PDB file of N, CA and C in Angstrom:
ATOM      1  N   MET A   1      44.817 -20.657  -9.142  1.00  0.00           N
ATOM      2  CA  MET A   1      44.607 -19.670 -10.181  1.00  0.00           C
ATOM      3  C   MET A   1      43.716 -18.565  -9.647  1.00  0.00           C
ATOM      4  N   HIS A   2      44.100 -17.337  -9.905  1.00  0.00           N
ATOM      5  CA  HIS A   2      43.311 -16.191  -9.473  1.00  0.00           C
ATOM      6  C   HIS A   2      42.395 -15.769 -10.608  1.00  0.00           C
ATOM      7  N   ILE A   3      41.152 -15.456 -10.303  1.00  0.00           N
ATOM      8  CA  ILE A   3      40.223 -14.937 -11.299  1.00  0.00           C
ATOM      9  C   ILE A   3      39.968 -13.488 -10.973  1.00  0.00           C
ATOM     10  N   TYR A   4      40.314 -12.627 -11.943  1.00  0.00           N
ATOM     11  CA  TYR A   4      40.136 -11.186 -11.763  1.00  0.00           C
ATOM     12  C   TYR A   4      39.098 -10.672 -12.738  1.00  0.00           C
ATOM     13  N   SER A   5      38.552  -9.547 -12.430  1.00  0.00           N
ATOM     14  CA  SER A   5      37.664  -8.817 -13.323  1.00  0.00           C
ATOM     15  C   SER A   5      38.548  -8.094 -14.344  1.00  0.00           C
ATOM     16  N   VAL A   6      38.050  -7.879 -15.536  1.00  0.00           N
ATOM     17  CA  VAL A   6      38.783  -7.072 -16.505  1.00  0.00           C
ATOM     18  C   VAL A   6      38.955  -5.627 -16.031  1.00  0.00           C
ATOM     19  N   ASN A   7      38.178  -5.269 -15.011  1.00  0.00           N
ATOM     20  CA  ASN A   7      38.299  -3.912 -14.450  1.00  0.00           C
ATOM     21  C   ASN A   7      39.353  -3.819 -13.336  1.00  0.00           C
ATOM     22  N   ASP A   8      39.893  -4.934 -12.913  1.00  0.00           N
ATOM     23  CA  ASP A   8      40.936  -4.965 -11.862  1.00  0.00           C
ATOM     24  C   ASP A   8      42.276  -4.514 -12.452  1.00  0.00           C
ATOM     25  N   PRO A   9      43.130  -3.902 -11.661  1.00  0.00           N
ATOM     26  CA  PRO A   9      44.442  -3.441 -12.146  1.00  0.00           C
ATOM     27  C   PRO A   9      45.290  -4.589 -12.703  1.00  0.00           C
ATOM     28  N   GLU A  10      45.098  -5.811 -12.219  1.00  0.00           N
ATOM     29  CA  GLU A  10      45.897  -6.965 -12.689  1.00  0.00           C
ATOM     30  C   GLU A  10      45.660  -7.256 -14.166  1.00  0.00           C
ATOM     31  N   PHE A  11      44.566  -6.835 -14.725  1.00  0.00           N
ATOM     32  CA  PHE A  11      44.235  -7.088 -16.148  1.00  0.00           C
ATOM     33  C   PHE A  11      44.901  -6.085 -17.104  1.00  0.00           C
ATOM     34  N   LYS A  12      45.339  -4.957 -16.597  1.00  0.00           N
ATOM     35  CA  LYS A  12      45.789  -3.826 -17.412  1.00  0.00           C
ATOM     36  C   LYS A  12      46.848  -4.201 -18.450  1.00  0.00           C
ATOM     37  N   SER A  13      47.805  -5.049 -18.119  1.00  0.00           N
ATOM     38  CA  SER A  13      48.869  -5.367 -19.088  1.00  0.00           C
ATOM     39  C   SER A  13      48.386  -6.342 -20.189  1.00  0.00           C
ATOM     40  N   TYR A  14      47.174  -6.865 -20.054  1.00  0.00           N
ATOM     41  CA  TYR A  14      46.664  -7.817 -21.055  1.00  0.00           C
ATOM     42  C   TYR A  14      45.774  -7.184 -22.118  1.00  0.00           C
ATOM     43  N   GLY A  15      45.214  -6.018 -21.808  1.00  0.00           N
ATOM     44  CA  GLY A  15      44.326  -5.409 -22.806  1.00  0.00           C
ATOM     45  C   GLY A  15      43.564  -4.255 -22.235  1.00  0.00           C
ATOM     46  N   ASN A  16      42.669  -3.744 -23.054  1.00  0.00           N
ATOM     47  CA  ASN A  16      41.849  -2.599 -22.691  1.00  0.00           C
ATOM     48  C   ASN A  16      40.400  -2.992 -22.659  1.00  0.00           C
ATOM     49  N   VAL A  17      39.667  -2.380 -21.808  1.00  0.00           N
ATOM     50  CA  VAL A  17      38.206  -2.564 -21.746  1.00  0.00           C
ATOM     51  C   VAL A  17      37.580  -1.354 -22.481  1.00  0.00           C
ATOM     52  N   TRP A  18      36.859  -1.625 -23.515  1.00  0.00           N
ATOM     53  CA  TRP A  18      36.166  -0.586 -24.240  1.00  0.00           C
ATOM     54  C   TRP A  18      34.752  -0.547 -23.782  1.00  0.00           C
ATOM     55  N   ASP A  19      34.492   0.257 -22.752  1.00  0.00           N
ATOM     56  CA  ASP A  19      33.134   0.319 -22.238  1.00  0.00           C
ATOM     57  C   ASP A  19      32.341   1.468 -22.822  1.00  0.00           C
ATOM     58  N   ASP A  20      32.914   2.120 -23.860  1.00  0.00           N
ATOM     59  CA  ASP A  20      32.230   3.239 -24.490  1.00  0.00           C
ATOM     60  C   ASP A  20      31.841   2.951 -25.947  1.00  0.00           C
ATOM     61  N   VAL A  21      31.813   1.688 -26.341  1.00  0.00           N
ATOM     62  CA  VAL A  21      31.420   1.320 -27.686  1.00  0.00           C
ATOM     63  C   VAL A  21      29.891   1.404 -27.738  1.00  0.00           C
ATOM     64  N   SER A  22      29.399   2.126 -28.722  1.00  0.00           N
ATOM     65  CA  SER A  22      27.973   2.346 -28.872  1.00  0.00           C
ATOM     66  C   SER A  22      27.200   1.037 -29.012  1.00  0.00           C
ATOM     67  N   SER A  23      26.085   0.955 -28.301  1.00  0.00           N
ATOM     68  CA  SER A  23      25.233  -0.242 -28.411  1.00  0.00           C
ATOM     69  C   SER A  23      24.669  -0.368 -29.802  1.00  0.00           C
ATOM     70  N   GLU A  24      24.633   0.706 -30.579  1.00  0.00           N
ATOM     71  CA  GLU A  24      24.223   0.586 -31.998  1.00  0.00           C
ATOM     72  C   GLU A  24      25.169  -0.331 -32.769  1.00  0.00           C
ATOM     73  N   LEU A  25      26.439  -0.389 -32.372  1.00  0.00           N
ATOM     74  CA  LEU A  25      27.405  -1.254 -33.038  1.00  0.00           C
ATOM     75  C   LEU A  25      27.428  -2.654 -32.472  1.00  0.00           C
ATOM     76  N   THR A  26      26.962  -2.847 -31.243  1.00  0.00           N
ATOM     77  CA  THR A  26      27.079  -4.173 -30.625  1.00  0.00           C
ATOM     78  C   THR A  26      25.757  -4.915 -30.477  1.00  0.00           C
ATOM     79  N   SER A  27      24.638  -4.263 -30.406  1.00  0.00           N
ATOM     80  CA  SER A  27      23.391  -4.911 -30.028  1.00  0.00           C
ATOM     81  C   SER A  27      22.976  -5.998 -31.035  1.00  0.00           C
ATOM     82  N   LEU A  28      23.084  -5.725 -32.348  1.00  0.00           N
ATOM     83  CA  LEU A  28      22.684  -6.745 -33.311  1.00  0.00           C
ATOM     84  C   LEU A  28      23.662  -7.908 -33.366  1.00  0.00           C
ATOM     85  N   VAL A  29      24.953  -7.618 -33.132  1.00  0.00           N
ATOM     86  CA  VAL A  29      25.937  -8.700 -33.087  1.00  0.00           C
ATOM     87  C   VAL A  29      25.660  -9.559 -31.852  1.00  0.00           C
ATOM     88  N   LEU A  30      25.383  -8.931 -30.717  1.00  0.00           N
ATOM     89  CA  LEU A  30      25.060  -9.672 -29.498  1.00  0.00           C
ATOM     90  C   LEU A  30      23.787 -10.520 -29.665  1.00  0.00           C
ATOM     91  N   GLU A  31      22.828  -9.960 -30.358  1.00  0.00           N
ATOM     92  CA  GLU A  31      21.572 -10.710 -30.630  1.00  0.00           C
ATOM     93  C   GLU A  31      21.870 -11.971 -31.469  1.00  0.00           C
ATOM     94  N   ALA A  32      22.678 -11.811 -32.502  1.00  0.00           N
ATOM     95  CA  ALA A  32      23.040 -12.949 -33.335  1.00  0.00           C
ATOM     96  C   ALA A  32      23.924 -13.935 -32.568  1.00  0.00           C
ATOM     97  N   LEU A  33      24.788 -13.420 -31.714  1.00  0.00           N
ATOM     98  CA  LEU A  33      25.649 -14.267 -30.911  1.00  0.00           C
ATOM     99  C   LEU A  33      24.799 -15.090 -29.906  1.00  0.00           C
ATOM    100  N   SER A  34      23.764 -14.468 -29.382  1.00  0.00           N
ATOM    101  CA  SER A  34      22.885 -15.166 -28.440  1.00  0.00           C
ATOM    102  C   SER A  34      22.171 -16.369 -29.076  1.00  0.00           C
ATOM    103  N   ALA A  35      22.065 -16.344 -30.386  1.00  0.00           N
ATOM    104  CA  ALA A  35      21.403 -17.444 -31.109  1.00  0.00           C
ATOM    105  C   ALA A  35      22.325 -18.579 -31.469  1.00  0.00           C
ATOM    106  N   THR A  36      23.615 -18.445 -31.205  1.00  0.00           N
ATOM    107  CA  THR A  36      24.543 -19.528 -31.532  1.00  0.00           C
ATOM    108  C   THR A  36      24.420 -20.642 -30.490  1.00  0.00           C
ATOM    109  N   PRO A  37      24.720 -21.886 -30.860  1.00  0.00           N
ATOM    110  CA  PRO A  37      24.544 -23.039 -29.953  1.00  0.00           C
ATOM    111  C   PRO A  37      25.522 -23.018 -28.793  1.00  0.00           C
ATOM    112  N   ILE A  38      25.102 -23.599 -27.658  1.00  0.00           N
ATOM    113  CA  ILE A  38      25.943 -23.772 -26.500  1.00  0.00           C
ATOM    114  C   ILE A  38      26.057 -25.285 -26.251  1.00  0.00           C
ATOM    115  N   PRO A  39      27.102 -25.906 -26.804  1.00  0.00           N
ATOM    116  CA  PRO A  39      27.220 -27.355 -26.671  1.00  0.00           C
ATOM    117  C   PRO A  39      27.656 -27.768 -25.268  1.00  0.00           C
ATOM    118  N   GLU A  40      27.528 -29.044 -24.947  1.00  0.00           N
ATOM    119  CA  GLU A  40      28.000 -29.583 -23.643  1.00  0.00           C
ATOM    120  C   GLU A  40      29.517 -29.441 -23.512  1.00  0.00           C
ATOM    121  N   GLY A  41      30.214 -29.744 -24.586  1.00  0.00           N
ATOM    122  CA  GLY A  41      31.677 -29.547 -24.606  1.00  0.00           C
ATOM    123  C   GLY A  41      31.950 -28.102 -24.998  1.00  0.00           C
ATOM    124  N   SER A  42      32.819 -27.896 -25.959  1.00  0.00           N
ATOM    125  CA  SER A  42      33.046 -26.566 -26.452  1.00  0.00           C
ATOM    126  C   SER A  42      33.200 -26.609 -27.956  1.00  0.00           C
ATOM    127  N   LYS A  43      32.888 -25.502 -28.592  1.00  0.00           N
ATOM    128  CA  LYS A  43      33.041 -25.415 -30.059  1.00  0.00           C
ATOM    129  C   LYS A  43      33.554 -24.004 -30.375  1.00  0.00           C
ATOM    130  N   TYR A  44      34.478 -23.941 -31.345  1.00  0.00           N
ATOM    131  CA  TYR A  44      35.069 -22.700 -31.796  1.00  0.00           C
ATOM    132  C   TYR A  44      34.816 -22.524 -33.277  1.00  0.00           C
ATOM    133  N   VAL A  45      34.270 -21.375 -33.660  1.00  0.00           N
ATOM    134  CA  VAL A  45      34.059 -21.029 -35.059  1.00  0.00           C
ATOM    135  C   VAL A  45      34.776 -19.720 -35.295  1.00  0.00           C
ATOM    136  N   ALA A  46      35.858 -19.744 -36.073  1.00  0.00           N
ATOM    137  CA  ALA A  46      36.673 -18.550 -36.280  1.00  0.00           C
ATOM    138  C   ALA A  46      35.949 -17.477 -37.059  1.00  0.00           C
ATOM    139  N   SER A  47      35.213 -17.860 -38.054  1.00  0.00           N
ATOM    140  CA  SER A  47      34.532 -16.885 -38.934  1.00  0.00           C
ATOM    141  C   SER A  47      33.107 -17.359 -39.124  1.00  0.00           C
ATOM    142  N   ALA A  48      32.152 -16.600 -38.574  1.00  0.00           N
ATOM    143  CA  ALA A  48      30.746 -17.012 -38.594  1.00  0.00           C
ATOM    144  C   ALA A  48      29.930 -16.044 -39.463  1.00  0.00           C
ATOM    145  N   PRO A  49      29.473 -16.467 -40.631  1.00  0.00           N
ATOM    146  CA  PRO A  49      28.706 -15.607 -41.506  1.00  0.00           C
ATOM    147  C   PRO A  49      27.472 -14.985 -40.820  1.00  0.00           C
ATOM    148  N   GLU A  50      26.856 -15.725 -39.876  1.00  0.00           N
ATOM    149  CA  GLU A  50      25.709 -15.199 -39.189  1.00  0.00           C
ATOM    150  C   GLU A  50      26.019 -13.976 -38.331  1.00  0.00           C
ATOM    151  N   LEU A  51      27.283 -13.820 -37.941  1.00  0.00           N
ATOM    152  CA  LEU A  51      27.719 -12.625 -37.201  1.00  0.00           C
ATOM    153  C   LEU A  51      28.260 -11.575 -38.162  1.00  0.00           C
ATOM    154  N   GLU A  52      29.038 -12.005 -39.129  1.00  0.00           N
ATOM    155  CA  GLU A  52      29.701 -11.067 -40.032  1.00  0.00           C
ATOM    156  C   GLU A  52      28.716 -10.367 -40.965  1.00  0.00           C
ATOM    157  N   SER A  53      27.529 -10.959 -41.186  1.00  0.00           N
ATOM    158  CA  SER A  53      26.543 -10.334 -42.085  1.00  0.00           C
ATOM    159  C   SER A  53      25.563  -9.421 -41.341  1.00  0.00           C
ATOM    160  N   VAL A  54      25.679  -9.323 -40.030  1.00  0.00           N
ATOM    161  CA  VAL A  54      24.777  -8.483 -39.250  1.00  0.00           C
ATOM    162  C   VAL A  54      24.984  -7.029 -39.656  1.00  0.00           C
ATOM    163  N   LYS A  55      23.857  -6.316 -39.754  1.00  0.00           N
ATOM    164  CA  LYS A  55      23.915  -4.886 -40.095  1.00  0.00           C
ATOM    165  C   LYS A  55      24.809  -4.154 -39.087  1.00  0.00           C
ATOM    166  N   GLY A  56      25.774  -3.440 -39.561  1.00  0.00           N
ATOM    167  CA  GLY A  56      26.683  -2.664 -38.713  1.00  0.00           C
ATOM    168  C   GLY A  56      27.924  -3.416 -38.281  1.00  0.00           C
ATOM    169  N   ALA A  57      28.042  -4.704 -38.615  1.00  0.00           N
ATOM    170  CA  ALA A  57      29.224  -5.486 -38.209  1.00  0.00           C
ATOM    171  C   ALA A  57      30.476  -4.895 -38.850  1.00  0.00           C
ATOM    172  N   ASP A  58      30.357  -4.387 -40.079  1.00  0.00           N
ATOM    173  CA  ASP A  58      31.477  -3.781 -40.736  1.00  0.00           C
ATOM    174  C   ASP A  58      31.974  -2.555 -40.013  1.00  0.00           C
ATOM    175  N   LYS A  59      31.035  -1.765 -39.453  1.00  0.00           N
ATOM    176  CA  LYS A  59      31.434  -0.566 -38.684  1.00  0.00           C
ATOM    177  C   LYS A  59      32.105  -0.959 -37.381  1.00  0.00           C
ATOM    178  N   LEU A  60      31.608  -1.999 -36.722  1.00  0.00           N
ATOM    179  CA  LEU A  60      32.255  -2.473 -35.499  1.00  0.00           C
ATOM    180  C   LEU A  60      33.658  -2.961 -35.812  1.00  0.00           C
ATOM    181  N   GLY A  61      33.821  -3.711 -36.878  1.00  0.00           N
ATOM    182  CA  GLY A  61      35.121  -4.188 -37.301  1.00  0.00           C
ATOM    183  C   GLY A  61      36.073  -3.052 -37.631  1.00  0.00           C
ATOM    184  N   PHE A  62      35.564  -2.016 -38.259  1.00  0.00           N
ATOM    185  CA  PHE A  62      36.421  -0.856 -38.597  1.00  0.00           C
ATOM    186  C   PHE A  62      36.852  -0.150 -37.325  1.00  0.00           C
ATOM    187  N   LEU A  63      35.937   0.008 -36.370  1.00  0.00           N
ATOM    188  CA  LEU A  63      36.310   0.630 -35.101  1.00  0.00           C
ATOM    189  C   LEU A  63      37.378  -0.157 -34.370  1.00  0.00           C
ATOM    190  N   MET A  64      37.235  -1.472 -34.336  1.00  0.00           N
ATOM    191  CA  MET A  64      38.165  -2.308 -33.599  1.00  0.00           C
ATOM    192  C   MET A  64      39.508  -2.462 -34.305  1.00  0.00           C
ATOM    193  N   PHE A  65      39.514  -2.551 -35.653  1.00  0.00           N
ATOM    194  CA  PHE A  65      40.701  -2.905 -36.357  1.00  0.00           C
ATOM    195  C   PHE A  65      41.138  -1.895 -37.425  1.00  0.00           C
ATOM    196  N   GLY A  66      40.497  -0.738 -37.453  1.00  0.00           N
ATOM    197  CA  GLY A  66      40.935   0.372 -38.284  1.00  0.00           C
ATOM    198  C   GLY A  66      41.022   0.090 -39.779  1.00  0.00           C
ATOM    199  N   GLY A  67      40.154  -0.743 -40.285  1.00  0.00           N
ATOM    200  CA  GLY A  67      40.131  -1.018 -41.712  1.00  0.00           C
ATOM    201  C   GLY A  67      40.886  -2.278 -42.124  1.00  0.00           C
ATOM    202  N   ARG A  68      41.595  -2.892 -41.192  1.00  0.00           N
ATOM    203  CA  ARG A  68      42.275  -4.140 -41.482  1.00  0.00           C
ATOM    204  C   ARG A  68      41.225  -5.272 -41.560  1.00  0.00           C
ATOM    205  N   PRO A  69      41.544  -6.339 -42.286  1.00  0.00           N
ATOM    206  CA  PRO A  69      40.596  -7.467 -42.351  1.00  0.00           C
ATOM    207  C   PRO A  69      40.319  -8.032 -40.956  1.00  0.00           C
ATOM    208  N   PHE A  70      39.098  -8.476 -40.752  1.00  0.00           N
ATOM    209  CA  PHE A  70      38.705  -9.034 -39.461  1.00  0.00           C
ATOM    210  C   PHE A  70      37.698 -10.146 -39.662  1.00  0.00           C
ATOM    211  N   GLN A  71      37.553 -10.967 -38.644  1.00  0.00           N
ATOM    212  CA  GLN A  71      36.566 -12.027 -38.611  1.00  0.00           C
ATOM    213  C   GLN A  71      35.709 -11.844 -37.355  1.00  0.00           C
ATOM    214  N   LEU A  72      34.476 -12.224 -37.429  1.00  0.00           N
ATOM    215  CA  LEU A  72      33.621 -12.347 -36.257  1.00  0.00           C
ATOM    216  C   LEU A  72      33.305 -13.801 -36.120  1.00  0.00           C
ATOM    217  N   GLY A  73      33.632 -14.357 -34.991  1.00  0.00           N
ATOM    218  CA  GLY A  73      33.384 -15.763 -34.747  1.00  0.00           C
ATOM    219  C   GLY A  73      32.892 -15.959 -33.305  1.00  0.00           C
ATOM    220  N   TRP A  74      32.838 -17.197 -32.901  1.00  0.00           N
ATOM    221  CA  TRP A  74      32.391 -17.461 -31.537  1.00  0.00           C
ATOM    222  C   TRP A  74      33.025 -18.722 -30.975  1.00  0.00           C
ATOM    223  N   CYS A  75      33.061 -18.789 -29.684  1.00  0.00           N
ATOM    224  CA  CYS A  75      33.542 -19.952 -28.961  1.00  0.00           C
ATOM    225  C   CYS A  75      32.559 -20.154 -27.829  1.00  0.00           C
ATOM    226  N   ASN A  76      31.834 -21.239 -27.857  1.00  0.00           N
ATOM    227  CA  ASN A  76      30.757 -21.528 -26.865  1.00  0.00           C
ATOM    228  C   ASN A  76      30.960 -22.900 -26.244  1.00  0.00           C
ATOM    229  N   GLY A  77      30.399 -23.056 -25.095  1.00  0.00           N
ATOM    230  CA  GLY A  77      30.338 -24.362 -24.493  1.00  0.00           C
ATOM    231  C   GLY A  77      30.653 -24.344 -22.998  1.00  0.00           C
ATOM    232  N   HIS A  78      30.934 -25.509 -22.505  1.00  0.00           N
ATOM    233  CA  HIS A  78      31.214 -25.681 -21.059  1.00  0.00           C
ATOM    234  C   HIS A  78      32.523 -26.453 -20.921  1.00  0.00           C
ATOM    235  N   ASN A  79      33.564 -25.743 -20.610  1.00  0.00           N
ATOM    236  CA  ASN A  79      34.865 -26.375 -20.463  1.00  0.00           C
ATOM    237  C   ASN A  79      35.030 -26.915 -19.051  1.00  0.00           C
ATOM    238  N   THR A  80      35.642 -28.085 -18.933  1.00  0.00           N
ATOM    239  CA  THR A  80      35.953 -28.665 -17.634  1.00  0.00           C
ATOM    240  C   THR A  80      37.454 -28.895 -17.484  1.00  0.00           C
ATOM    241  N   GLN A  81      38.225 -28.613 -18.554  1.00  0.00           N
ATOM    242  CA  GLN A  81      39.686 -28.787 -18.535  1.00  0.00           C
ATOM    243  C   GLN A  81      40.364 -27.622 -19.236  1.00  0.00           C
ATOM    244  N   LEU A  82      41.587 -27.399 -18.871  1.00  0.00           N
ATOM    245  CA  LEU A  82      42.427 -26.435 -19.582  1.00  0.00           C
ATOM    246  C   LEU A  82      43.399 -27.219 -20.450  1.00  0.00           C
ATOM    247  N   ASN A  83      42.877 -27.900 -21.467  1.00  0.00           N
ATOM    248  CA  ASN A  83      43.718 -28.768 -22.269  1.00  0.00           C
ATOM    249  C   ASN A  83      43.989 -28.239 -23.656  1.00  0.00           C
ATOM    250  N   CYS A  84      43.503 -27.044 -23.978  1.00  0.00           N
ATOM    251  CA  CYS A  84      43.759 -26.456 -25.281  1.00  0.00           C
ATOM    252  C   CYS A  84      43.537 -24.983 -25.176  1.00  0.00           C
ATOM    253  N   LEU A  85      44.584 -24.202 -25.573  1.00  0.00           N
ATOM    254  CA  LEU A  85      44.496 -22.759 -25.493  1.00  0.00           C
ATOM    255  C   LEU A  85      44.757 -22.173 -26.875  1.00  0.00           C
ATOM    256  N   GLU A  86      44.266 -20.966 -27.062  1.00  0.00           N
ATOM    257  CA  GLU A  86      44.542 -20.226 -28.336  1.00  0.00           C
ATOM    258  C   GLU A  86      45.756 -19.378 -28.165  1.00  0.00           C
ATOM    259  N   TYR A  87      46.421 -19.134 -29.264  1.00  0.00           N
ATOM    260  CA  TYR A  87      47.613 -18.287 -29.277  1.00  0.00           C
ATOM    261  C   TYR A  87      47.393 -17.226 -30.334  1.00  0.00           C
ATOM    262  N   HIS A  88      47.524 -15.965 -29.971  1.00  0.00           N
ATOM    263  CA  HIS A  88      47.340 -14.861 -30.921  1.00  0.00           C
ATOM    264  C   HIS A  88      48.553 -13.992 -31.019  1.00  0.00           C
ATOM    265  N   ARG A  89      48.877 -13.583 -32.188  1.00  0.00           N
ATOM    266  CA  ARG A  89      49.942 -12.604 -32.411  1.00  0.00           C
ATOM    267  C   ARG A  89      49.360 -11.241 -32.731  1.00  0.00           C
ATOM    268  N   ALA A  90      48.094 -11.162 -32.881  1.00  0.00           N
ATOM    269  CA  ALA A  90      47.427  -9.920 -33.253  1.00  0.00           C
ATOM    270  C   ALA A  90      46.348  -9.604 -32.227  1.00  0.00           C
ATOM    271  N   SER A  91      45.745  -8.470 -32.382  1.00  0.00           N
ATOM    272  CA  SER A  91      44.691  -8.040 -31.449  1.00  0.00           C
ATOM    273  C   SER A  91      43.471  -8.907 -31.581  1.00  0.00           C
ATOM    274  N   GLU A  92      42.736  -8.995 -30.512  1.00  0.00           N
ATOM    275  CA  GLU A  92      41.469  -9.687 -30.496  1.00  0.00           C
ATOM    276  C   GLU A  92      40.504  -8.841 -29.690  1.00  0.00           C
ATOM    277  N   PHE A  93      39.258  -8.842 -30.119  1.00  0.00           N
ATOM    278  CA  PHE A  93      38.197  -8.132 -29.421  1.00  0.00           C
ATOM    279  C   PHE A  93      37.207  -9.152 -28.968  1.00  0.00           C
ATOM    280  N   ASN A  94      36.933  -9.222 -27.656  1.00  0.00           N
ATOM    281  CA  ASN A  94      36.010 -10.196 -27.092  1.00  0.00           C
ATOM    282  C   ASN A  94      34.739  -9.468 -26.667  1.00  0.00           C
ATOM    283  N   LEU A  95      33.614  -9.929 -27.203  1.00  0.00           N
ATOM    284  CA  LEU A  95      32.304  -9.392 -26.875  1.00  0.00           C
ATOM    285  C   LEU A  95      31.434 -10.558 -26.470  1.00  0.00           C
ATOM    286  N   GLY A  96      30.986 -10.544 -25.227  1.00  0.00           N
ATOM    287  CA  GLY A  96      30.256 -11.691 -24.722  1.00  0.00           C
ATOM    288  C   GLY A  96      28.765 -11.438 -24.577  1.00  0.00           C
ATOM    289  N   ALA A  97      27.983 -12.394 -25.026  1.00  0.00           N
ATOM    290  CA  ALA A  97      26.541 -12.359 -24.840  1.00  0.00           C
ATOM    291  C   ALA A  97      26.197 -12.835 -23.428  1.00  0.00           C
ATOM    292  N   ARG A  98      27.140 -13.560 -22.814  1.00  0.00           N
ATOM    293  CA  ARG A  98      26.979 -14.056 -21.427  1.00  0.00           C
ATOM    294  C   ARG A  98      28.345 -13.869 -20.731  1.00  0.00           C
ATOM    295  N   ASP A  99      28.363 -14.065 -19.445  1.00  0.00           N
ATOM    296  CA  ASP A  99      29.612 -14.009 -18.712  1.00  0.00           C
ATOM    297  C   ASP A  99      30.552 -15.088 -19.204  1.00  0.00           C
ATOM    298  N   PHE A 100      31.864 -14.792 -19.211  1.00  0.00           N
ATOM    299  CA  PHE A 100      32.845 -15.766 -19.624  1.00  0.00           C
ATOM    300  C   PHE A 100      34.179 -15.490 -18.921  1.00  0.00           C
ATOM    301  N   ILE A 101      35.037 -16.496 -18.936  1.00  0.00           N
ATOM    302  CA  ILE A 101      36.360 -16.369 -18.321  1.00  0.00           C
ATOM    303  C   ILE A 101      37.412 -16.484 -19.444  1.00  0.00           C
ATOM    304  N   LEU A 102      38.352 -15.548 -19.446  1.00  0.00           N
ATOM    305  CA  LEU A 102      39.466 -15.610 -20.372  1.00  0.00           C
ATOM    306  C   LEU A 102      40.701 -16.005 -19.552  1.00  0.00           C
ATOM    307  N   LEU A 103      41.448 -16.970 -20.064  1.00  0.00           N
ATOM    308  CA  LEU A 103      42.739 -17.287 -19.469  1.00  0.00           C
ATOM    309  C   LEU A 103      43.748 -16.566 -20.354  1.00  0.00           C
ATOM    310  N   VAL A 104      44.433 -15.561 -19.796  1.00  0.00           N
ATOM    311  CA  VAL A 104      45.376 -14.769 -20.569  1.00  0.00           C
ATOM    312  C   VAL A 104      46.748 -14.897 -19.942  1.00  0.00           C
ATOM    313  N   ALA A 105      47.747 -14.804 -20.790  1.00  0.00           N
ATOM    314  CA  ALA A 105      49.121 -14.845 -20.369  1.00  0.00           C
ATOM    315  C   ALA A 105      49.978 -14.083 -21.352  1.00  0.00           C
ATOM    316  N   HIS A 106      51.159 -13.694 -20.936  1.00  0.00           N
ATOM    317  CA  HIS A 106      52.097 -13.037 -21.823  1.00  0.00           C
ATOM    318  C   HIS A 106      52.920 -14.109 -22.562  1.00  0.00           C
ATOM    319  N   ARG A 107      53.426 -13.763 -23.744  1.00  0.00           N
ATOM    320  CA  ARG A 107      54.231 -14.716 -24.517  1.00  0.00           C
ATOM    321  C   ARG A 107      55.436 -15.216 -23.715  1.00  0.00           C
ATOM    322  N   TRP A 108      56.039 -14.352 -22.947  1.00  0.00           N
ATOM    323  CA  TRP A 108      57.249 -14.750 -22.217  1.00  0.00           C
ATOM    324  C   TRP A 108      56.950 -15.751 -21.096  1.00  0.00           C
ATOM    325  N   GLU A 109      55.659 -15.986 -20.801  1.00  0.00           N
ATOM    326  CA  GLU A 109      55.316 -16.956 -19.791  1.00  0.00           C
ATOM    327  C   GLU A 109      55.187 -18.389 -20.370  1.00  0.00           C
ATOM    328  N   ILE A 110      55.244 -18.495 -21.683  1.00  0.00           N
ATOM    329  CA  ILE A 110      55.184 -19.792 -22.353  1.00  0.00           C
ATOM    330  C   ILE A 110      56.568 -20.346 -22.462  1.00  0.00           C
ATOM    331  N   GLU A 111      56.820 -21.510 -21.873  1.00  0.00           N
ATOM    332  CA  GLU A 111      58.123 -22.160 -21.909  1.00  0.00           C
ATOM    333  C   GLU A 111      57.991 -23.501 -22.534  1.00  0.00           C
ATOM    334  N   ASP A 112      58.777 -23.770 -23.566  1.00  0.00           N
ATOM    335  CA  ASP A 112      58.741 -25.063 -24.285  1.00  0.00           C
ATOM    336  C   ASP A 112      57.322 -25.399 -24.769  1.00  0.00           C
ATOM    337  N   GLY A 113      56.591 -24.367 -25.178  1.00  0.00           N
ATOM    338  CA  GLY A 113      55.250 -24.562 -25.685  1.00  0.00           C
ATOM    339  C   GLY A 113      54.192 -24.832 -24.634  1.00  0.00           C
ATOM    340  N   LYS A 114      54.551 -24.659 -23.352  1.00  0.00           N
ATOM    341  CA  LYS A 114      53.607 -24.930 -22.273  1.00  0.00           C
ATOM    342  C   LYS A 114      53.449 -23.695 -21.398  1.00  0.00           C
ATOM    343  N   LEU A 115      52.258 -23.586 -20.826  1.00  0.00           N
ATOM    344  CA  LEU A 115      51.933 -22.480 -19.912  1.00  0.00           C
ATOM    345  C   LEU A 115      51.648 -23.060 -18.545  1.00  0.00           C
ATOM    346  N   ASP A 116      52.409 -22.623 -17.533  1.00  0.00           N
ATOM    347  CA  ASP A 116      52.183 -23.094 -16.170  1.00  0.00           C
ATOM    348  C   ASP A 116      51.048 -22.237 -15.609  1.00  0.00           C
ATOM    349  N   ILE A 117      49.847 -22.830 -15.444  1.00  0.00           N
ATOM    350  CA  ILE A 117      48.714 -22.026 -14.951  1.00  0.00           C
ATOM    351  C   ILE A 117      48.810 -21.748 -13.451  1.00  0.00           C
ATOM    352  N   ALA A 118      49.790 -22.322 -12.768  1.00  0.00           N
ATOM    353  CA  ALA A 118      49.964 -22.049 -11.349  1.00  0.00           C
ATOM    354  C   ALA A 118      50.722 -20.729 -11.115  1.00  0.00           C
ATOM    355  N   CYS A 119      51.304 -20.172 -12.208  1.00  0.00           N
ATOM    356  CA  CYS A 119      52.106 -18.948 -12.038  1.00  0.00           C
ATOM    357  C   CYS A 119      51.199 -17.727 -11.778  1.00  0.00           C
ATOM    358  N   ASP A 120      51.733 -16.774 -11.093  1.00  0.00           N
ATOM    359  CA  ASP A 120      50.976 -15.544 -10.811  1.00  0.00           C
ATOM    360  C   ASP A 120      51.443 -14.455 -11.727  1.00  0.00           C
TER     361      ASP A 120
END
């Protein structure tokens, strides 16, 4: 498996890097995100009131999703296996309080409900 930076050309077909989002919109969300637990395994919370109630979170959501409903959640922990992946049909905005790795693939790479992580 190759690990690329989101700034590498290989990432371009998977999404955009928004490096011009004002820190006024992200700093309080990042502060609240930094206070979420980091378990030994992993934990996913799709909608976290402690993030969604942060001052300015509504403005960040509007910027990212143009007025459509949105959730702010988190996924934290230490993974040692690739035994469960998320599947999205809509846009997702990832904002990290710490470094993280995203395993991304295109829908056409999923065959019979499985993703071969050895593929390039």
